[in-house]
């Protein structure tokens, strides 16, 4: 979980790629005879946040996700913005939703696009609505100490470190296999076609970052998890290498850059697959209630 705005959840695996925060101060300028103007501080300006989100079927239904954002803007209501760590940023209103279409079908159905969501601080009367009980307190141990921040239900038991490690590994493995399939589908295209697929390629690799980071963190807390922690770091390094090979790219270098990116992703899939027996052993321990 990266952040929650009202009831709208944003995750790295779901395509959020950027968050820009802007603060300002208001100053009045007074003209002076035969001298430079004098500035007088009036007050603090409203904070603004701009979110960048990649929409693609592999990251969720693009039309549905765009609809939720537009509805949030149309309701004209302040919404609580909470980071995944549990930090309450404050109430914000959605002032702008722009959608840049990257790819569409012949009948105009959006396949991939980049959405910019503009948020502005709300300073009026606001009562924060708690949609789900049990907002994680960063001061507590448990899940916050093992890299699983977010909104947790007080009715749901906190999973063990072993269960979290298995969950992160499965999520990462699923994403990496989906990424490999996408690369296989793209590799036969011409340079122009491959270049047009770069946002999708970056999007699918972005989804692997969060679970791999979680795997490295959680596995490091296990008595015998040092190997899995290193594995998570190694796979993450290959994923980041795959992403960096595609930034920047143009028609003159896309073929070579794509080949290098694909090679790095293949290494990530191979390394992740090498842990299958190890993970199966952990799963057996959970099933027998030993972990």
Protein backbone atom coordinates (compact mmCIF):
# COMPACT_ATOMS: atom_id res chain seq x y z
CA UNK A 1 0.00 0.00 0.00
CA UNK A 2 1.51 3.32 -1.07
CA UNK A 3 -1.33 5.63 -0.02
CA UNK A 4 -5.10 5.87 0.43
CA UNK A 5 -7.23 8.84 -0.64
CA UNK A 6 -10.66 8.42 0.91
CA UNK A 7 -11.42 4.84 -0.15
CA UNK A 8 -9.20 4.89 -3.26
CA UNK A 9 -6.07 2.82 -2.76
CA UNK A 10 -2.78 3.50 -4.57
CA UNK A 11 -0.07 0.84 -4.79
CA UNK A 12 3.20 0.58 -6.65
CA UNK A 13 1.94 -2.75 -8.01
CA UNK A 14 -1.16 -0.92 -9.21
CA UNK A 15 0.79 1.55 -11.33
CA UNK A 16 1.53 4.62 -9.23
CA UNK A 17 4.90 5.92 -10.43
CA UNK A 18 5.25 9.38 -8.93
CA UNK A 19 4.15 11.75 -6.17
CA UNK A 20 5.13 15.42 -6.29
CA UNK A 21 4.43 17.60 -3.24
CA UNK A 22 4.48 21.40 -3.47
CA UNK A 23 4.29 23.94 -0.65
CA UNK A 24 4.14 27.71 -1.07
CA UNK A 25 3.97 30.97 0.87
CA UNK A 26 1.98 34.06 -0.16
CA UNK A 27 3.82 37.38 -0.30
CA UNK A 28 2.40 40.80 -1.18
CA UNK A 29 4.59 43.16 -3.21
CA UNK A 30 4.48 46.86 -2.31
CA UNK A 31 5.91 49.39 -4.75
CA UNK A 32 8.32 51.98 -3.36
CA UNK A 33 9.43 55.29 -4.89
CA UNK A 34 13.00 55.10 -6.20
CA UNK A 35 13.60 51.70 -4.79
CA UNK A 36 12.89 48.02 -5.26
CA UNK A 37 9.47 46.75 -4.15
CA UNK A 38 9.05 45.53 -0.59
CA UNK A 39 7.74 42.05 0.09
CA UNK A 40 5.37 41.40 2.97
CA UNK A 41 4.48 37.88 4.05
CA UNK A 42 0.71 37.29 4.07
CA UNK A 43 0.44 33.65 4.99
CA UNK A 44 1.14 30.09 3.96
CA UNK A 45 -0.22 28.85 0.64
CA UNK A 46 -2.15 25.63 0.16
CA UNK A 47 -0.09 22.47 -0.24
CA UNK A 48 -0.54 20.67 -3.53
CA UNK A 49 0.19 17.07 -4.54
CA UNK A 50 0.40 15.62 -8.02
CA UNK A 51 0.12 11.85 -8.48
CA UNK A 52 1.26 10.03 -11.63
CA UNK A 53 -0.45 6.72 -12.33
CA UNK A 54 0.07 4.28 -15.20
CA UNK A 55 -3.11 2.52 -16.33
CA UNK A 56 -2.90 -0.84 -18.09
CA UNK A 57 -4.98 -4.04 -18.02
CA UNK A 58 -2.07 -5.83 -16.33
CA UNK A 59 -2.29 -3.30 -13.48
CA UNK A 60 -6.09 -3.34 -13.14
CA UNK A 61 -9.12 -2.28 -15.18
CA UNK A 62 -8.08 1.12 -16.70
CA UNK A 63 -11.68 2.30 -17.29
CA UNK A 64 -12.81 1.46 -13.75
CA UNK A 65 -9.81 3.08 -12.09
CA UNK A 66 -10.20 6.23 -14.16
CA UNK A 67 -13.91 6.32 -13.31
CA UNK A 68 -13.20 6.24 -9.58
CA UNK A 69 -10.79 9.16 -9.86
CA UNK A 70 -13.21 11.23 -11.91
CA UNK A 71 -16.03 10.50 -9.50
CA UNK A 72 -13.85 11.67 -6.60
CA UNK A 73 -13.32 14.97 -8.44
CA UNK A 74 -17.01 15.33 -9.30
CA UNK A 75 -18.18 14.87 -5.70
CA UNK A 76 -16.36 18.07 -4.65
CA UNK A 77 -15.64 16.63 -1.22
CA UNK A 78 -12.42 16.67 0.83
CA UNK A 79 -10.89 13.24 1.31
CA UNK A 80 -8.42 12.00 3.91
CA UNK A 81 -4.98 11.28 2.48
CA UNK A 82 -3.08 8.60 4.41
CA UNK A 83 0.30 7.17 3.46
CA UNK A 84 0.92 3.43 3.61
CA UNK A 85 3.07 3.95 6.71
CA UNK A 86 -0.02 5.19 8.55
CA UNK A 87 1.00 8.87 8.37
CA UNK A 88 -2.07 11.08 8.05
CA UNK A 89 -1.24 13.84 5.56
CA UNK A 90 -4.58 15.66 5.91
CA UNK A 91 -7.74 16.40 3.92
CA UNK A 92 -7.33 17.06 0.19
CA UNK A 93 -9.68 17.72 -2.69
CA UNK A 94 -9.24 16.38 -6.22
CA UNK A 95 -8.88 19.45 -8.45
CA UNK A 96 -7.68 17.87 -11.68
CA UNK A 97 -7.67 14.51 -13.46
CA UNK A 98 -5.89 14.39 -16.80
CA UNK A 99 -5.56 11.26 -18.92
CA UNK A 100 -2.92 10.92 -21.64
CA UNK A 101 -3.79 7.93 -23.82
CA UNK A 102 -0.71 5.90 -24.81
CA UNK A 103 -2.44 3.09 -26.63
CA UNK A 104 -6.02 2.32 -27.68
CA UNK A 105 -7.92 -0.22 -29.76
CA UNK A 106 -9.38 0.49 -33.19
CA UNK A 107 -12.72 1.33 -31.55
CA UNK A 108 -11.23 3.79 -29.08
CA UNK A 109 -11.03 1.57 -25.99
CA UNK A 110 -8.10 2.68 -23.86
CA UNK A 111 -5.43 0.03 -23.42
CA UNK A 112 -2.72 2.08 -21.73
CA UNK A 113 -2.57 5.64 -20.48
CA UNK A 114 -0.87 7.93 -17.98
CA UNK A 115 -3.09 9.74 -15.48
CA UNK A 116 -2.14 12.88 -13.58
CA UNK A 117 -4.22 13.53 -10.44
CA UNK A 118 -4.00 16.99 -8.88
CA UNK A 119 -4.76 17.27 -5.15
CA UNK A 120 -5.06 20.49 -3.13
CA UNK A 121 -5.05 20.92 0.62
CA UNK A 122 -8.44 21.56 2.24
CA UNK A 123 -8.42 23.83 5.32
CA UNK A 124 -12.14 23.98 6.10
CA UNK A 125 -14.04 21.96 8.68
CA UNK A 126 -13.38 18.27 8.09
CA UNK A 127 -14.24 15.10 9.98
CA UNK A 128 -12.06 12.22 9.01
CA UNK A 129 -14.02 9.08 8.18
CA UNK A 130 -12.42 5.80 9.22
CA UNK A 131 -13.60 3.32 6.61
CA UNK A 132 -11.87 0.36 8.18
CA UNK A 133 -10.93 -0.05 11.80
CA UNK A 134 -7.43 -0.68 12.96
CA UNK A 135 -5.29 1.99 11.22
CA UNK A 136 -1.80 0.74 11.76
CA UNK A 137 0.14 2.69 14.39
CA UNK A 138 3.76 3.08 13.21
CA UNK A 139 4.85 3.06 16.86
CA UNK A 140 3.68 -0.52 17.24
CA UNK A 141 5.71 -3.56 16.43
CA UNK A 142 4.35 -6.47 14.45
CA UNK A 143 3.47 -5.68 10.87
CA UNK A 144 5.02 -2.19 10.89
CA UNK A 145 8.35 -3.69 11.88
CA UNK A 146 8.31 -6.17 9.01
CA UNK A 147 7.53 -3.84 6.16
CA UNK A 148 3.81 -4.31 5.77
CA UNK A 149 2.30 -0.84 6.40
CA UNK A 150 -1.25 -0.03 5.49
CA UNK A 151 -4.77 -0.21 6.76
CA UNK A 152 -5.29 -3.33 8.82
CA UNK A 153 -8.56 -4.61 10.15
CA UNK A 154 -8.61 -5.06 13.90
CA UNK A 155 -10.59 -8.23 13.30
CA UNK A 156 -7.91 -9.88 11.15
CA UNK A 157 -4.93 -11.52 12.90
CA UNK A 158 -1.52 -10.25 11.87
CA UNK A 159 0.22 -12.87 9.71
CA UNK A 160 3.54 -14.29 10.81
CA UNK A 161 6.81 -13.21 9.23
CA UNK A 162 6.99 -16.56 7.45
CA UNK A 163 3.52 -16.12 5.98
CA UNK A 164 4.39 -12.61 4.83
CA UNK A 165 7.60 -13.81 3.21
CA UNK A 166 5.72 -16.50 1.30
CA UNK A 167 3.06 -14.00 0.21
CA UNK A 168 5.62 -11.48 -1.04
CA UNK A 169 7.51 -14.20 -2.91
CA UNK A 170 4.35 -15.50 -4.60
CA UNK A 171 3.31 -11.99 -5.62
CA UNK A 172 6.74 -11.23 -7.03
CA UNK A 173 6.86 -14.54 -8.89
CA UNK A 174 3.45 -13.97 -10.48
CA UNK A 175 4.40 -10.48 -11.60
CA UNK A 176 7.74 -11.61 -13.02
CA UNK A 177 6.11 -14.39 -15.01
CA UNK A 178 3.54 -11.95 -16.38
CA UNK A 179 6.39 -9.63 -17.31
CA UNK A 180 8.26 -12.41 -19.10
CA UNK A 181 5.13 -13.22 -21.11
CA UNK A 182 4.76 -9.58 -22.11
CA UNK A 183 8.42 -9.39 -23.20
CA UNK A 184 7.98 -12.57 -25.24
CA UNK A 185 4.95 -11.05 -26.99
CA UNK A 186 6.83 -7.83 -27.79
CA UNK A 187 10.20 -9.21 -28.89
CA UNK A 188 9.11 -9.96 -32.47
CA UNK A 189 7.92 -6.43 -33.18
CA UNK A 190 9.63 -3.71 -35.19
CA UNK A 191 11.47 -0.87 -33.40
CA UNK A 192 8.49 1.47 -33.56
CA UNK A 193 6.17 -1.15 -32.10
CA UNK A 194 8.61 -2.03 -29.31
CA UNK A 195 9.06 1.64 -28.47
CA UNK A 196 5.30 2.02 -28.13
CA UNK A 197 5.25 -0.85 -25.61
CA UNK A 198 7.84 0.70 -23.27
CA UNK A 199 5.24 2.16 -20.83
CA UNK A 200 3.66 -1.29 -20.49
CA UNK A 201 7.05 -2.95 -20.00
CA UNK A 202 7.98 -0.43 -17.32
CA UNK A 203 4.57 -0.84 -15.73
CA UNK A 204 4.79 -4.60 -15.34
CA UNK A 205 8.31 -4.46 -13.85
CA UNK A 206 7.19 -1.71 -11.46
CA UNK A 207 4.68 -4.14 -10.00
CA UNK A 208 7.50 -6.42 -8.85
CA UNK A 209 9.33 -3.79 -6.80
CA UNK A 210 7.02 -3.65 -3.79
CA UNK A 211 6.75 -7.43 -3.13
CA UNK A 212 10.50 -7.91 -3.64
CA UNK A 213 11.28 -5.17 -1.14
CA UNK A 214 8.82 -6.79 1.25
CA UNK A 215 10.45 -10.20 0.76
CA UNK A 216 13.93 -8.86 1.53
CA UNK A 217 12.74 -7.05 4.65
CA UNK A 218 10.58 -9.82 6.09
CA UNK A 219 12.99 -12.66 5.31
CA UNK A 220 15.73 -10.78 7.12
CA UNK A 221 13.71 -11.14 10.33
CA UNK A 222 13.52 -14.93 10.09
CA UNK A 223 16.10 -16.96 11.97
CA UNK A 224 17.02 -18.83 8.80
CA UNK A 225 15.89 -16.25 6.24
CA UNK A 226 19.20 -14.65 5.24
CA UNK A 227 19.27 -16.58 1.96
CA UNK A 228 15.79 -15.42 1.00
CA UNK A 229 16.64 -11.84 1.93
CA UNK A 230 19.67 -11.98 -0.37
CA UNK A 231 17.56 -13.57 -3.08
CA UNK A 232 15.02 -10.76 -2.85
CA UNK A 233 17.82 -8.20 -3.18
CA UNK A 234 19.34 -10.05 -6.15
CA UNK A 235 16.03 -10.32 -8.00
CA UNK A 236 15.24 -6.68 -7.27
CA UNK A 237 18.63 -5.70 -8.67
CA UNK A 238 17.83 -7.52 -11.91
CA UNK A 239 14.39 -5.91 -12.10
CA UNK A 240 15.85 -2.45 -11.61
CA UNK A 241 18.46 -3.25 -14.26
CA UNK A 242 15.67 -4.26 -16.63
CA UNK A 243 13.92 -0.96 -16.00
CA UNK A 244 17.04 1.19 -16.34
CA UNK A 245 17.78 -0.36 -19.74
CA UNK A 246 14.57 1.21 -21.03
CA UNK A 247 15.24 4.71 -19.73
CA UNK A 248 15.88 6.61 -21.89
CA UNK A 249 15.11 5.00 -25.25
CA UNK A 250 14.39 6.14 -28.80
CA UNK A 251 14.08 4.55 -32.23
CA UNK A 252 17.85 4.45 -32.68
CA UNK A 253 18.57 2.37 -29.56
CA UNK A 254 15.31 0.64 -28.65
CA UNK A 255 16.24 -2.77 -30.11
CA UNK A 256 19.50 -3.06 -28.15
CA UNK A 257 17.98 -1.57 -25.00
CA UNK A 258 15.00 -3.92 -25.18
CA UNK A 259 17.33 -6.92 -25.55
CA UNK A 260 19.32 -5.85 -22.47
CA UNK A 261 16.12 -5.25 -20.50
CA UNK A 262 14.74 -8.64 -21.47
CA UNK A 263 17.99 -10.36 -20.46
CA UNK A 264 17.87 -8.75 -17.00
CA UNK A 265 14.24 -9.77 -16.53
CA UNK A 266 15.01 -13.34 -17.60
CA UNK A 267 17.71 -13.45 -14.88
CA UNK A 268 15.19 -12.20 -12.34
CA UNK A 269 12.73 -14.95 -13.30
CA UNK A 270 15.44 -17.61 -13.12
CA UNK A 271 16.73 -16.51 -9.71
CA UNK A 272 13.20 -16.27 -8.35
CA UNK A 273 12.41 -19.74 -9.64
CA UNK A 274 15.45 -21.18 -7.88
CA UNK A 275 13.75 -20.54 -4.53
CA UNK A 276 10.67 -22.66 -5.28
CA UNK A 277 11.74 -25.61 -3.09
CA UNK A 278 12.78 -23.32 -0.28
CA UNK A 279 9.42 -21.56 -0.34
CA UNK A 280 7.57 -24.85 -0.52
CA UNK A 281 9.35 -25.88 2.68
CA UNK A 282 8.25 -22.68 4.41
CA UNK A 283 4.68 -23.25 3.23
CA UNK A 284 4.78 -26.74 4.74
CA UNK A 285 5.89 -25.28 8.07
CA UNK A 286 2.95 -22.88 8.02
CA UNK A 287 0.51 -25.67 7.20
CA UNK A 288 1.82 -27.75 10.10
CA UNK A 289 1.64 -24.64 12.33
CA UNK A 290 5.35 -24.57 12.96
CA UNK A 291 5.73 -21.02 11.52
